[in-house]
Amino acid sequence: MPIQGYEGFCRVRAQFNAPSHLAILNTQALMEPLAQANELTLKAAENQCRAMLDRYAR
């Protein structure tokens, strides 16, 4: 994919083979609920995480 494809999709300036990398994230946007968020899915994920923590906490 040409670099313009990445820039168009991600809406950022892309540079490959750079000597370093940096990502700047909008923390306010990260706190917004996802449009497809689902309360049942959240509860299922939380239950799975708790079960894993309980299993590995032994």
C-alpha atoms as a PDB file:
ATOM      1  CA  MET A   1       0.000   0.000   0.000  1.00  0.00           C
ATOM      2  CA  PRO A   2       1.439   3.407  -0.864  1.00  0.00           C
ATOM      3  CA  ILE A   3       2.013   5.840   1.995  1.00  0.00           C
ATOM      4  CA  GLN A   4      -0.969   7.923   0.857  1.00  0.00           C
ATOM      5  CA  GLY A   5      -3.200   4.943   1.659  1.00  0.00           C
ATOM      6  CA  TYR A   6      -2.000   4.862   5.258  1.00  0.00           C
ATOM      7  CA  GLU A   7      -2.326   8.606   5.612  1.00  0.00           C
ATOM      8  CA  GLY A   8      -5.828   8.612   4.168  1.00  0.00           C
ATOM      9  CA  PHE A   9      -7.015   5.733   6.330  1.00  0.00           C
ATOM     10  CA  CYS A  10      -5.394   6.838   9.597  1.00  0.00           C
ATOM     11  CA  ARG A  11      -5.646  10.577   8.942  1.00  0.00           C
ATOM     12  CA  VAL A  12      -2.052  11.092  10.071  1.00  0.00           C
ATOM     13  CA  ARG A  13       1.247  11.910   8.399  1.00  0.00           C
ATOM     14  CA  ALA A  14       3.062   8.619   7.979  1.00  0.00           C
ATOM     15  CA  GLN A  15       6.817   8.102   7.640  1.00  0.00           C
ATOM     16  CA  PHE A  16       8.376   4.686   7.211  1.00  0.00           C
ATOM     17  CA  ASN A  17      11.942   3.703   8.173  1.00  0.00           C
ATOM     18  CA  ALA A  18      12.127   6.638  10.578  1.00  0.00           C
ATOM     19  CA  PRO A  19      14.867   6.596  13.253  1.00  0.00           C
ATOM     20  CA  SER A  20      12.200   6.732  15.992  1.00  0.00           C
ATOM     21  CA  HIS A  21       8.448   6.559  16.419  1.00  0.00           C
ATOM     22  CA  LEU A  22       5.843   8.623  18.218  1.00  0.00           C
ATOM     23  CA  ALA A  23       2.097   8.392  18.686  1.00  0.00           C
ATOM     24  CA  ILE A  24       0.116  11.286  20.099  1.00  0.00           C
ATOM     25  CA  LEU A  25      -3.321  10.263  21.316  1.00  0.00           C
ATOM     26  CA  ASN A  26      -6.255  12.420  22.295  1.00  0.00           C
ATOM     27  CA  THR A  27      -6.954  11.173  25.827  1.00  0.00           C
ATOM     28  CA  GLN A  28     -10.389  12.811  25.875  1.00  0.00           C
ATOM     29  CA  ALA A  29     -11.376  10.855  22.762  1.00  0.00           C
ATOM     30  CA  LEU A  30     -10.114   7.636  24.370  1.00  0.00           C
ATOM     31  CA  MET A  31     -12.563   8.141  27.240  1.00  0.00           C
ATOM     32  CA  GLU A  32     -15.576   8.349  24.907  1.00  0.00           C
ATOM     33  CA  PRO A  33     -17.681   5.191  24.683  1.00  0.00           C
ATOM     34  CA  LEU A  34     -17.428   3.300  21.429  1.00  0.00           C
ATOM     35  CA  ALA A  35     -20.388   3.677  19.099  1.00  0.00           C
ATOM     36  CA  GLN A  36     -20.855  -0.084  18.995  1.00  0.00           C
ATOM     37  CA  ALA A  37     -20.464  -0.493  22.775  1.00  0.00           C
ATOM     38  CA  ASN A  38     -22.774  -3.106  24.241  1.00  0.00           C
ATOM     39  CA  GLU A  39     -23.523  -3.529  27.935  1.00  0.00           C
ATOM     40  CA  LEU A  40     -23.844  -7.333  27.664  1.00  0.00           C
ATOM     41  CA  THR A  41     -20.486  -7.599  25.908  1.00  0.00           C
ATOM     42  CA  LEU A  42     -18.903  -5.432  28.607  1.00  0.00           C
ATOM     43  CA  LYS A  43     -20.283  -7.647  31.375  1.00  0.00           C
ATOM     44  CA  ALA A  44     -19.110 -10.810  29.592  1.00  0.00           C
ATOM     45  CA  ALA A  45     -15.600  -9.381  29.137  1.00  0.00           C
ATOM     46  CA  GLU A  46     -15.434  -8.273  32.771  1.00  0.00           C
ATOM     47  CA  ASN A  47     -16.535 -11.737  33.935  1.00  0.00           C
ATOM     48  CA  GLN A  48     -13.911 -13.416  31.752  1.00  0.00           C
ATOM     49  CA  CYS A  49     -11.204 -11.096  33.093  1.00  0.00           C
ATOM     50  CA  ARG A  50     -12.226 -11.775  36.693  1.00  0.00           C
ATOM     51  CA  ALA A  51     -12.196 -15.525  36.056  1.00  0.00           C
ATOM     52  CA  MET A  52      -8.705 -15.314  34.555  1.00  0.00           C
ATOM     53  CA  LEU A  53      -7.430 -13.210  37.454  1.00  0.00           C
ATOM     54  CA  ASP A  54      -8.918 -15.670  39.944  1.00  0.00           C
ATOM     55  CA  ARG A  55      -7.403 -18.634  38.098  1.00  0.00           C
ATOM     56  CA  TYR A  56      -3.896 -17.121  37.941  1.00  0.00           C
ATOM     57  CA  ALA A  57      -3.930 -15.533  41.406  1.00  0.00           C
ATOM     58  CA  ARG A  58      -3.421 -18.919  43.045  1.00  0.00           C
END
